[in-house]
Amino acid sequence: MDSRINLTREVGRDLWRYKWQLILAIVTVISAMAVIVVTHSTRQKTSEYNQLMAEQDKLDIEWRNLLLEQNTLMEHSRIEALARGKLNMQRPEPSKEKLVRQP
């Protein structure tokens, strides 16, 4: 009689005997991998969000500056329109302009 143990058969029996523990171990490893993937994705999205918020802040500042510039230009145009309409004023011709210098 052969006293050697068939290793493949013994491993198969052990796996079948402890199948629930094996299934739980596999599920635990899969769950751990999912946590790693989700954590990595969350970090990437947080970084992207912070970059977008910084860009939004820059664009907000530019928009405010453009509004100020627009209001300044509109005010000048409004004054010029009132001067032409109500006071019948107009720009002098370049030949009629005189340069005044202070000593």
PDB file of N, CA and C in Angstrom:
ATOM      1  N   MET A   1       0.819  -1.167   0.000  1.00  0.00           N
ATOM      2  CA  MET A   1       0.000   0.000   0.000  1.00  0.00           C
ATOM      3  C   MET A   1       0.869   1.238   0.000  1.00  0.00           C
ATOM      4  N   ASP A   2       0.361   2.161  -0.724  1.00  0.00           N
ATOM      5  CA  ASP A   2       1.111   3.414  -0.881  1.00  0.00           C
ATOM      6  C   ASP A   2       0.692   4.376   0.213  1.00  0.00           C
ATOM      7  N   SER A   3       1.669   4.850   0.986  1.00  0.00           N
ATOM      8  CA  SER A   3       1.356   5.750   2.095  1.00  0.00           C
ATOM      9  C   SER A   3       1.446   7.220   1.698  1.00  0.00           C
ATOM     10  N   ARG A   4       1.653   7.455   0.432  1.00  0.00           N
ATOM     11  CA  ARG A   4       1.740   8.855  -0.002  1.00  0.00           C
ATOM     12  C   ARG A   4       0.346   9.466  -0.060  1.00  0.00           C
ATOM     13  N   ILE A   5       0.300  10.738   0.293  1.00  0.00           N
ATOM     14  CA  ILE A   5      -0.980  11.453   0.306  1.00  0.00           C
ATOM     15  C   ILE A   5      -1.104  12.225  -1.005  1.00  0.00           C
ATOM     16  N   ASN A   6      -2.267  12.139  -1.610  1.00  0.00           N
ATOM     17  CA  ASN A   6      -2.520  12.899  -2.827  1.00  0.00           C
ATOM     18  C   ASN A   6      -2.813  14.341  -2.420  1.00  0.00           C
ATOM     19  N   LEU A   7      -1.853  15.210  -2.684  1.00  0.00           N
ATOM     20  CA  LEU A   7      -1.935  16.599  -2.231  1.00  0.00           C
ATOM     21  C   LEU A   7      -3.094  17.344  -2.889  1.00  0.00           C
ATOM     22  N   THR A   8      -3.309  17.101  -4.135  1.00  0.00           N
ATOM     23  CA  THR A   8      -4.401  17.779  -4.839  1.00  0.00           C
ATOM     24  C   THR A   8      -5.743  17.430  -4.220  1.00  0.00           C
ATOM     25  N   ARG A   9      -5.918  16.147  -3.915  1.00  0.00           N
ATOM     26  CA  ARG A   9      -7.172  15.702  -3.319  1.00  0.00           C
ATOM     27  C   ARG A   9      -7.354  16.319  -1.927  1.00  0.00           C
ATOM     28  N   GLU A  10      -6.293  16.390  -1.137  1.00  0.00           N
ATOM     29  CA  GLU A  10      -6.378  16.967   0.208  1.00  0.00           C
ATOM     30  C   GLU A  10      -6.696  18.465   0.149  1.00  0.00           C
ATOM     31  N   VAL A  11      -6.084  19.162  -0.778  1.00  0.00           N
ATOM     32  CA  VAL A  11      -6.377  20.599  -0.931  1.00  0.00           C
ATOM     33  C   VAL A  11      -7.826  20.782  -1.345  1.00  0.00           C
ATOM     34  N   GLY A  12      -8.286  19.956  -2.257  1.00  0.00           N
ATOM     35  CA  GLY A  12      -9.679  20.031  -2.686  1.00  0.00           C
ATOM     36  C   GLY A  12     -10.642  19.772  -1.541  1.00  0.00           C
ATOM     37  N   ARG A  13     -10.347  18.769  -0.716  1.00  0.00           N
ATOM     38  CA  ARG A  13     -11.202  18.469   0.443  1.00  0.00           C
ATOM     39  C   ARG A  13     -11.214  19.628   1.444  1.00  0.00           C
ATOM     40  N   ASP A  14     -10.027  20.203   1.688  1.00  0.00           N
ATOM     41  CA  ASP A  14      -9.959  21.337   2.625  1.00  0.00           C
ATOM     42  C   ASP A  14     -10.739  22.544   2.096  1.00  0.00           C
ATOM     43  N   LEU A  15     -10.598  22.778   0.811  1.00  0.00           N
ATOM     44  CA  LEU A  15     -11.346  23.906   0.231  1.00  0.00           C
ATOM     45  C   LEU A  15     -12.848  23.673   0.346  1.00  0.00           C
ATOM     46  N   TRP A  16     -13.273  22.439   0.100  1.00  0.00           N
ATOM     47  CA  TRP A  16     -14.700  22.136   0.197  1.00  0.00           C
ATOM     48  C   TRP A  16     -15.168  22.197   1.642  1.00  0.00           C
ATOM     49  N   ARG A  17     -14.353  21.752   2.555  1.00  0.00           N
ATOM     50  CA  ARG A  17     -14.703  21.751   3.973  1.00  0.00           C
ATOM     51  C   ARG A  17     -14.816  23.189   4.502  1.00  0.00           C
ATOM     52  N   TYR A  18     -13.938  24.059   4.059  1.00  0.00           N
ATOM     53  CA  TYR A  18     -13.926  25.453   4.547  1.00  0.00           C
ATOM     54  C   TYR A  18     -14.386  26.430   3.460  1.00  0.00           C
ATOM     55  N   LYS A  19     -15.392  26.005   2.713  1.00  0.00           N
ATOM     56  CA  LYS A  19     -15.840  26.829   1.579  1.00  0.00           C
ATOM     57  C   LYS A  19     -16.374  28.193   2.015  1.00  0.00           C
ATOM     58  N   TRP A  20     -17.078  28.272   3.133  1.00  0.00           N
ATOM     59  CA  TRP A  20     -17.630  29.567   3.567  1.00  0.00           C
ATOM     60  C   TRP A  20     -16.516  30.529   3.971  1.00  0.00           C
ATOM     61  N   GLN A  21     -15.507  30.000   4.633  1.00  0.00           N
ATOM     62  CA  GLN A  21     -14.383  30.846   5.006  1.00  0.00           C
ATOM     63  C   GLN A  21     -13.649  31.345   3.752  1.00  0.00           C
ATOM     64  N   LEU A  22     -13.530  30.469   2.763  1.00  0.00           N
ATOM     65  CA  LEU A  22     -12.882  30.851   1.506  1.00  0.00           C
ATOM     66  C   LEU A  22     -13.696  31.916   0.776  1.00  0.00           C
ATOM     67  N   ILE A  23     -15.003  31.710   0.727  1.00  0.00           N
ATOM     68  CA  ILE A  23     -15.877  32.696   0.075  1.00  0.00           C
ATOM     69  C   ILE A  23     -15.786  34.039   0.793  1.00  0.00           C
ATOM     70  N   LEU A  24     -15.813  34.015   2.117  1.00  0.00           N
ATOM     71  CA  LEU A  24     -15.703  35.258   2.880  1.00  0.00           C
ATOM     72  C   LEU A  24     -14.354  35.942   2.659  1.00  0.00           C
ATOM     73  N   ALA A  25     -13.289  35.163   2.557  1.00  0.00           N
ATOM     74  CA  ALA A  25     -11.965  35.742   2.302  1.00  0.00           C
ATOM     75  C   ALA A  25     -11.922  36.405   0.927  1.00  0.00           C
ATOM     76  N   ILE A  26     -12.495  35.742  -0.070  1.00  0.00           N
ATOM     77  CA  ILE A  26     -12.522  36.313  -1.424  1.00  0.00           C
ATOM     78  C   ILE A  26     -13.359  37.586  -1.449  1.00  0.00           C
ATOM     79  N   VAL A  27     -14.524  37.552  -0.816  1.00  0.00           N
ATOM     80  CA  VAL A  27     -15.384  38.738  -0.759  1.00  0.00           C
ATOM     81  C   VAL A  27     -14.679  39.878  -0.031  1.00  0.00           C
ATOM     82  N   THR A  28     -13.935  39.566   1.029  1.00  0.00           N
ATOM     83  CA  THR A  28     -13.198  40.592   1.775  1.00  0.00           C
ATOM     84  C   THR A  28     -12.129  41.239   0.899  1.00  0.00           C
ATOM     85  N   VAL A  29     -11.413  40.435   0.135  1.00  0.00           N
ATOM     86  CA  VAL A  29     -10.380  40.976  -0.758  1.00  0.00           C
ATOM     87  C   VAL A  29     -11.014  41.851  -1.838  1.00  0.00           C
ATOM     88  N   ILE A  30     -12.121  41.391  -2.404  1.00  0.00           N
ATOM     89  CA  ILE A  30     -12.817  42.187  -3.429  1.00  0.00           C
ATOM     90  C   ILE A  30     -13.309  43.498  -2.829  1.00  0.00           C
ATOM     91  N   SER A  31     -13.856  43.434  -1.630  1.00  0.00           N
ATOM     92  CA  SER A  31     -14.328  44.645  -0.951  1.00  0.00           C
ATOM     93  C   SER A  31     -13.174  45.613  -0.685  1.00  0.00           C
ATOM     94  N   ALA A  32     -12.034  45.095  -0.261  1.00  0.00           N
ATOM     95  CA  ALA A  32     -10.867  45.951  -0.012  1.00  0.00           C
ATOM     96  C   ALA A  32     -10.402  46.623  -1.298  1.00  0.00           C
ATOM     97  N   MET A  33     -10.396  45.888  -2.398  1.00  0.00           N
ATOM     98  CA  MET A  33     -10.005  46.473  -3.687  1.00  0.00           C
ATOM     99  C   MET A  33     -10.995  47.558  -4.105  1.00  0.00           C
ATOM    100  N   ALA A  34     -12.275  47.331  -3.865  1.00  0.00           N
ATOM    101  CA  ALA A  34     -13.281  48.341  -4.200  1.00  0.00           C
ATOM    102  C   ALA A  34     -13.077  49.605  -3.373  1.00  0.00           C
ATOM    103  N   VAL A  35     -12.746  49.450  -2.102  1.00  0.00           N
ATOM    104  CA  VAL A  35     -12.479  50.613  -1.246  1.00  0.00           C
ATOM    105  C   VAL A  35     -11.286  51.393  -1.776  1.00  0.00           C
ATOM    106  N   ILE A  36     -10.248  50.697  -2.208  1.00  0.00           N
ATOM    107  CA  ILE A  36      -9.063  51.366  -2.754  1.00  0.00           C
ATOM    108  C   ILE A  36      -9.420  52.145  -4.013  1.00  0.00           C
ATOM    109  N   VAL A  37     -10.189  51.539  -4.907  1.00  0.00           N
ATOM    110  CA  VAL A  37     -10.574  52.205  -6.152  1.00  0.00           C
ATOM    111  C   VAL A  37     -11.429  53.435  -5.862  1.00  0.00           C
ATOM    112  N   VAL A  38     -12.392  53.313  -4.972  1.00  0.00           N
ATOM    113  CA  VAL A  38     -13.272  54.437  -4.644  1.00  0.00           C
ATOM    114  C   VAL A  38     -12.490  55.559  -3.966  1.00  0.00           C
ATOM    115  N   THR A  39     -11.564  55.217  -3.079  1.00  0.00           N
ATOM    116  CA  THR A  39     -10.753  56.231  -2.406  1.00  0.00           C
ATOM    117  C   THR A  39      -9.897  56.985  -3.412  1.00  0.00           C
ATOM    118  N   HIS A  40      -9.289  56.267  -4.337  1.00  0.00           N
ATOM    119  CA  HIS A  40      -8.467  56.909  -5.369  1.00  0.00           C
ATOM    120  C   HIS A  40      -9.318  57.836  -6.238  1.00  0.00           C
ATOM    121  N   SER A  41     -10.474  57.356  -6.641  1.00  0.00           N
ATOM    122  CA  SER A  41     -11.376  58.168  -7.461  1.00  0.00           C
ATOM    123  C   SER A  41     -11.825  59.419  -6.712  1.00  0.00           C
ATOM    124  N   THR A  42     -12.124  59.272  -5.432  1.00  0.00           N
ATOM    125  CA  THR A  42     -12.549  60.417  -4.619  1.00  0.00           C
ATOM    126  C   THR A  42     -11.444  61.454  -4.522  1.00  0.00           C
ATOM    127  N   ARG A  43     -10.216  61.016  -4.338  1.00  0.00           N
ATOM    128  CA  ARG A  43      -9.089  61.955  -4.264  1.00  0.00           C
ATOM    129  C   ARG A  43      -8.900  62.688  -5.581  1.00  0.00           C
ATOM    130  N   GLN A  44      -9.040  61.979  -6.692  1.00  0.00           N
ATOM    131  CA  GLN A  44      -8.916  62.632  -7.993  1.00  0.00           C
ATOM    132  C   GLN A  44     -10.024  63.662  -8.191  1.00  0.00           C
ATOM    133  N   LYS A  45     -11.243  63.293  -7.847  1.00  0.00           N
ATOM    134  CA  LYS A  45     -12.369  64.214  -8.019  1.00  0.00           C
ATOM    135  C   LYS A  45     -12.233  65.426  -7.105  1.00  0.00           C
ATOM    136  N   THR A  46     -11.732  65.234  -5.890  1.00  0.00           N
ATOM    137  CA  THR A  46     -11.526  66.353  -4.971  1.00  0.00           C
ATOM    138  C   THR A  46     -10.478  67.306  -5.520  1.00  0.00           C
ATOM    139  N   SER A  47      -9.408  66.762  -6.073  1.00  0.00           N
ATOM    140  CA  SER A  47      -8.364  67.594  -6.669  1.00  0.00           C
ATOM    141  C   SER A  47      -8.915  68.373  -7.861  1.00  0.00           C
ATOM    142  N   GLU A  48      -9.676  67.703  -8.705  1.00  0.00           N
ATOM    143  CA  GLU A  48     -10.282  68.360  -9.868  1.00  0.00           C
ATOM    144  C   GLU A  48     -11.257  69.449  -9.414  1.00  0.00           C
ATOM    145  N   TYR A  49     -12.032  69.175  -8.376  1.00  0.00           N
ATOM    146  CA  TYR A  49     -12.979  70.153  -7.845  1.00  0.00           C
ATOM    147  C   TYR A  49     -12.248  71.400  -7.344  1.00  0.00           C
ATOM    148  N   ASN A  50     -11.140  71.196  -6.622  1.00  0.00           N
ATOM    149  CA  ASN A  50     -10.379  72.335  -6.107  1.00  0.00           C
ATOM    150  C   ASN A  50      -9.805  73.172  -7.245  1.00  0.00           C
ATOM    151  N   GLN A  51      -9.337  72.528  -8.304  1.00  0.00           N
ATOM    152  CA  GLN A  51      -8.823  73.264  -9.456  1.00  0.00           C
ATOM    153  C   GLN A  51      -9.941  74.063 -10.124  1.00  0.00           C
ATOM    154  N   LEU A  52     -11.107  73.455 -10.260  1.00  0.00           N
ATOM    155  CA  LEU A  52     -12.236  74.153 -10.882  1.00  0.00           C
ATOM    156  C   LEU A  52     -12.709  75.328 -10.026  1.00  0.00           C
ATOM    157  N   MET A  53     -12.677  75.165  -8.712  1.00  0.00           N
ATOM    158  CA  MET A  53     -13.069  76.271  -7.832  1.00  0.00           C
ATOM    159  C   MET A  53     -12.080  77.432  -7.944  1.00  0.00           C
ATOM    160  N   ALA A  54     -10.787  77.135  -8.055  1.00  0.00           N
ATOM    161  CA  ALA A  54      -9.784  78.187  -8.229  1.00  0.00           C
ATOM    162  C   ALA A  54      -9.998  78.903  -9.556  1.00  0.00           C
ATOM    163  N   GLU A  55     -10.306  78.147 -10.605  1.00  0.00           N
ATOM    164  CA  GLU A  55     -10.579  78.757 -11.906  1.00  0.00           C
ATOM    165  C   GLU A  55     -11.841  79.611 -11.842  1.00  0.00           C
ATOM    166  N   GLN A  56     -12.854  79.148 -11.125  1.00  0.00           N
ATOM    167  CA  GLN A  56     -14.083  79.924 -10.980  1.00  0.00           C
ATOM    168  C   GLN A  56     -13.802  81.234 -10.254  1.00  0.00           C
ATOM    169  N   ASP A  57     -12.967  81.199  -9.233  1.00  0.00           N
ATOM    170  CA  ASP A  57     -12.614  82.421  -8.511  1.00  0.00           C
ATOM    171  C   ASP A  57     -11.921  83.415  -9.436  1.00  0.00           C
ATOM    172  N   LYS A  58     -10.995  82.927 -10.266  1.00  0.00           N
ATOM    173  CA  LYS A  58     -10.309  83.806 -11.216  1.00  0.00           C
ATOM    174  C   LYS A  58     -11.300  84.414 -12.207  1.00  0.00           C
ATOM    175  N   LEU A  59     -12.216  83.580 -12.699  1.00  0.00           N
ATOM    176  CA  LEU A  59     -13.208  84.074 -13.654  1.00  0.00           C
ATOM    177  C   LEU A  59     -14.163  85.076 -13.001  1.00  0.00           C
ATOM    178  N   ASP A  60     -14.517  84.866 -11.734  1.00  0.00           N
ATOM    179  CA  ASP A  60     -15.367  85.822 -11.017  1.00  0.00           C
ATOM    180  C   ASP A  60     -14.674  87.171 -10.883  1.00  0.00           C
ATOM    181  N   ILE A  61     -13.387  87.149 -10.566  1.00  0.00           N
ATOM    182  CA  ILE A  61     -12.635  88.403 -10.439  1.00  0.00           C
ATOM    183  C   ILE A  61     -12.579  89.114 -11.785  1.00  0.00           C
ATOM    184  N   GLU A  62     -12.316  88.358 -12.849  1.00  0.00           N
ATOM    185  CA  GLU A  62     -12.275  88.961 -14.183  1.00  0.00           C
ATOM    186  C   GLU A  62     -13.638  89.536 -14.553  1.00  0.00           C
ATOM    187  N   TRP A  63     -14.714  88.820 -14.225  1.00  0.00           N
ATOM    188  CA  TRP A  63     -16.062  89.295 -14.540  1.00  0.00           C
ATOM    189  C   TRP A  63     -16.361  90.603 -13.807  1.00  0.00           C
ATOM    190  N   ARG A  64     -15.978  90.679 -12.517  1.00  0.00           N
ATOM    191  CA  ARG A  64     -16.200  91.917 -11.757  1.00  0.00           C
ATOM    192  C   ARG A  64     -15.421  93.079 -12.365  1.00  0.00           C
ATOM    193  N   ASN A  65     -14.186  92.808 -12.766  1.00  0.00           N
ATOM    194  CA  ASN A  65     -13.389  93.858 -13.393  1.00  0.00           C
ATOM    195  C   ASN A  65     -14.013  94.318 -14.708  1.00  0.00           C
ATOM    196  N   LEU A  66     -14.537  93.376 -15.471  1.00  0.00           N
ATOM    197  CA  LEU A  66     -15.197  93.748 -16.727  1.00  0.00           C
ATOM    198  C   LEU A  66     -16.472  94.549 -16.468  1.00  0.00           C
ATOM    199  N   LEU A  67     -17.206  94.196 -15.414  1.00  0.00           N
ATOM    200  CA  LEU A  67     -18.395  94.984 -15.066  1.00  0.00           C
ATOM    201  C   LEU A  67     -18.019  96.412 -14.690  1.00  0.00           C
ATOM    202  N   LEU A  68     -16.946  96.554 -13.910  1.00  0.00           N
ATOM    203  CA  LEU A  68     -16.488  97.898 -13.545  1.00  0.00           C
ATOM    204  C   LEU A  68     -16.083  98.689 -14.781  1.00  0.00           C
ATOM    205  N   GLU A  69     -15.367  98.034 -15.679  1.00  0.00           N
ATOM    206  CA  GLU A  69     -14.949  98.710 -16.910  1.00  0.00           C
ATOM    207  C   GLU A  69     -16.163  99.101 -17.749  1.00  0.00           C
ATOM    208  N   GLN A  70     -17.132  98.206 -17.843  1.00  0.00           N
ATOM    209  CA  GLN A  70     -18.345  98.502 -18.610  1.00  0.00           C
ATOM    210  C   GLN A  70     -19.089  99.682 -17.997  1.00  0.00           C
ATOM    211  N   ASN A  71     -19.232  99.689 -16.683  1.00  0.00           N
ATOM    212  CA  ASN A  71     -19.930 100.794 -16.025  1.00  0.00           C
ATOM    213  C   ASN A  71     -19.188 102.108 -16.220  1.00  0.00           C
ATOM    214  N   THR A  72     -17.866 102.063 -16.171  1.00  0.00           N
ATOM    215  CA  THR A  72     -17.075 103.275 -16.394  1.00  0.00           C
ATOM    216  C   THR A  72     -17.287 103.792 -17.805  1.00  0.00           C
ATOM    217  N   LEU A  73     -17.241 102.897 -18.778  1.00  0.00           N
ATOM    218  CA  LEU A  73     -17.434 103.318 -20.169  1.00  0.00           C
ATOM    219  C   LEU A  73     -18.866 103.797 -20.406  1.00  0.00           C
ATOM    220  N   MET A  74     -19.829 103.153 -19.782  1.00  0.00           N
ATOM    221  CA  MET A  74     -21.219 103.578 -19.953  1.00  0.00           C
ATOM    222  C   MET A  74     -21.441 104.955 -19.342  1.00  0.00           C
ATOM    223  N   GLU A  75     -20.818 105.229 -18.211  1.00  0.00           N
ATOM    224  CA  GLU A  75     -20.972 106.528 -17.562  1.00  0.00           C
ATOM    225  C   GLU A  75     -20.411 107.631 -18.456  1.00  0.00           C
ATOM    226  N   HIS A  76     -19.261 107.405 -19.060  1.00  0.00           N
ATOM    227  CA  HIS A  76     -18.666 108.396 -19.959  1.00  0.00           C
ATOM    228  C   HIS A  76     -19.576 108.624 -21.169  1.00  0.00           C
ATOM    229  N   SER A  77     -20.111 107.538 -21.729  1.00  0.00           N
ATOM    230  CA  SER A  77     -21.010 107.660 -22.880  1.00  0.00           C
ATOM    231  C   SER A  77     -22.288 108.394 -22.484  1.00  0.00           C
ATOM    232  N   ARG A  78     -22.773 108.150 -21.292  1.00  0.00           N
ATOM    233  CA  ARG A  78     -23.994 108.809 -20.819  1.00  0.00           C
ATOM    234  C   ARG A  78     -23.771 110.309 -20.675  1.00  0.00           C
ATOM    235  N   ILE A  79     -22.635 110.686 -20.090  1.00  0.00           N
ATOM    236  CA  ILE A  79     -22.334 112.114 -19.924  1.00  0.00           C
ATOM    237  C   ILE A  79     -22.200 112.779 -21.287  1.00  0.00           C
ATOM    238  N   GLU A  80     -21.517 112.106 -22.208  1.00  0.00           N
ATOM    239  CA  GLU A  80     -21.360 112.684 -23.545  1.00  0.00           C
ATOM    240  C   GLU A  80     -22.713 112.818 -24.242  1.00  0.00           C
ATOM    241  N   ALA A  81     -23.591 111.821 -24.090  1.00  0.00           N
ATOM    242  CA  ALA A  81     -24.918 111.887 -24.717  1.00  0.00           C
ATOM    243  C   ALA A  81     -25.746 113.014 -24.108  1.00  0.00           C
ATOM    244  N   LEU A  82     -25.676 113.200 -22.781  1.00  0.00           N
ATOM    245  CA  LEU A  82     -26.404 114.303 -22.146  1.00  0.00           C
ATOM    246  C   LEU A  82     -25.859 115.652 -22.608  1.00  0.00           C
ATOM    247  N   ALA A  83     -24.541 115.759 -22.731  1.00  0.00           N
ATOM    248  CA  ALA A  83     -23.941 117.019 -23.176  1.00  0.00           C
ATOM    249  C   ALA A  83     -24.370 117.341 -24.597  1.00  0.00           C
ATOM    250  N   ARG A  84     -24.422 116.366 -25.449  1.00  0.00           N
ATOM    251  CA  ARG A  84     -24.857 116.618 -26.833  1.00  0.00           C
ATOM    252  C   ARG A  84     -26.358 116.916 -26.904  1.00  0.00           C
ATOM    253  N   GLY A  85     -27.157 116.153 -26.157  1.00  0.00           N
ATOM    254  CA  GLY A  85     -28.606 116.285 -26.263  1.00  0.00           C
ATOM    255  C   GLY A  85     -29.167 117.504 -25.566  1.00  0.00           C
ATOM    256  N   LYS A  86     -28.848 117.690 -24.291  1.00  0.00           N
ATOM    257  CA  LYS A  86     -29.464 118.770 -23.519  1.00  0.00           C
ATOM    258  C   LYS A  86     -28.739 120.099 -23.674  1.00  0.00           C
ATOM    259  N   LEU A  87     -27.423 120.050 -23.812  1.00  0.00           N
ATOM    260  CA  LEU A  87     -26.649 121.292 -23.840  1.00  0.00           C
ATOM    261  C   LEU A  87     -26.142 121.652 -25.230  1.00  0.00           C
ATOM    262  N   ASN A  88     -26.475 120.833 -26.210  1.00  0.00           N
ATOM    263  CA  ASN A  88     -26.036 121.049 -27.590  1.00  0.00           C
ATOM    264  C   ASN A  88     -24.523 121.228 -27.688  1.00  0.00           C
ATOM    265  N   MET A  89     -23.798 120.492 -26.899  1.00  0.00           N
ATOM    266  CA  MET A  89     -22.338 120.556 -26.936  1.00  0.00           C
ATOM    267  C   MET A  89     -21.823 119.548 -27.952  1.00  0.00           C
ATOM    268  N   GLN A  90     -20.656 119.803 -28.481  1.00  0.00           N
ATOM    269  CA  GLN A  90     -20.013 118.873 -29.395  1.00  0.00           C
ATOM    270  C   GLN A  90     -18.507 118.979 -29.254  1.00  0.00           C
ATOM    271  N   ARG A  91     -17.834 117.983 -29.719  1.00  0.00           N
ATOM    272  CA  ARG A  91     -16.377 117.972 -29.609  1.00  0.00           C
ATOM    273  C   ARG A  91     -15.793 119.033 -30.541  1.00  0.00           C
ATOM    274  N   PRO A  92     -14.754 119.700 -30.069  1.00  0.00           N
ATOM    275  CA  PRO A  92     -14.121 120.689 -30.951  1.00  0.00           C
ATOM    276  C   PRO A  92     -13.299 119.991 -32.031  1.00  0.00           C
ATOM    277  N   GLU A  93     -13.163 120.675 -33.143  1.00  0.00           N
ATOM    278  CA  GLU A  93     -12.322 120.147 -34.214  1.00  0.00           C
ATOM    279  C   GLU A  93     -10.865 120.274 -33.788  1.00  0.00           C
ATOM    280  N   PRO A  94     -10.023 119.389 -34.249  1.00  0.00           N
ATOM    281  CA  PRO A  94      -8.611 119.455 -33.852  1.00  0.00           C
ATOM    282  C   PRO A  94      -7.955 120.793 -34.185  1.00  0.00           C
ATOM    283  N   SER A  95      -8.390 121.436 -35.243  1.00  0.00           N
ATOM    284  CA  SER A  95      -7.780 122.724 -35.614  1.00  0.00           C
ATOM    285  C   SER A  95      -8.169 123.834 -34.637  1.00  0.00           C
ATOM    286  N   LYS A  96      -9.268 123.669 -33.930  1.00  0.00           N
ATOM    287  CA  LYS A  96      -9.732 124.689 -32.989  1.00  0.00           C
ATOM    288  C   LYS A  96      -9.242 124.438 -31.564  1.00  0.00           C
ATOM    289  N   GLU A  97      -8.574 123.346 -31.344  1.00  0.00           N
ATOM    290  CA  GLU A  97      -8.061 123.046 -30.013  1.00  0.00           C
ATOM    291  C   GLU A  97      -6.818 123.877 -29.742  1.00  0.00           C
ATOM    292  N   LYS A  98      -6.675 124.342 -28.507  1.00  0.00           N
ATOM    293  CA  LYS A  98      -5.504 125.121 -28.114  1.00  0.00           C
ATOM    294  C   LYS A  98      -4.859 124.451 -26.911  1.00  0.00           C
ATOM    295  N   LEU A  99      -3.559 124.389 -26.949  1.00  0.00           N
ATOM    296  CA  LEU A  99      -2.799 123.773 -25.882  1.00  0.00           C
ATOM    297  C   LEU A  99      -2.387 124.843 -24.892  1.00  0.00           C
ATOM    298  N   VAL A 100      -2.683 124.636 -23.630  1.00  0.00           N
ATOM    299  CA  VAL A 100      -2.349 125.598 -22.587  1.00  0.00           C
ATOM    300  C   VAL A 100      -1.245 124.980 -21.736  1.00  0.00           C
ATOM    301  N   ARG A 101      -0.153 125.737 -21.577  1.00  0.00           N
ATOM    302  CA  ARG A 101       0.965 125.255 -20.767  1.00  0.00           C
ATOM    303  C   ARG A 101       1.124 126.152 -19.563  1.00  0.00           C
ATOM    304  N   GLN A 102       1.390 125.538 -18.456  1.00  0.00           N
ATOM    305  CA  GLN A 102       1.649 126.314 -17.245  1.00  0.00           C
ATOM    306  C   GLN A 102       3.155 126.510 -17.095  1.00  0.00           C
ATOM    307  N   PRO A 103       3.556 127.719 -16.675  1.00  0.00           N
ATOM    308  CA  PRO A 103       4.995 127.964 -16.530  1.00  0.00           C
ATOM    309  C   PRO A 103       5.582 127.208 -15.367  1.00  0.00           C
TER     310      PRO A 103
END
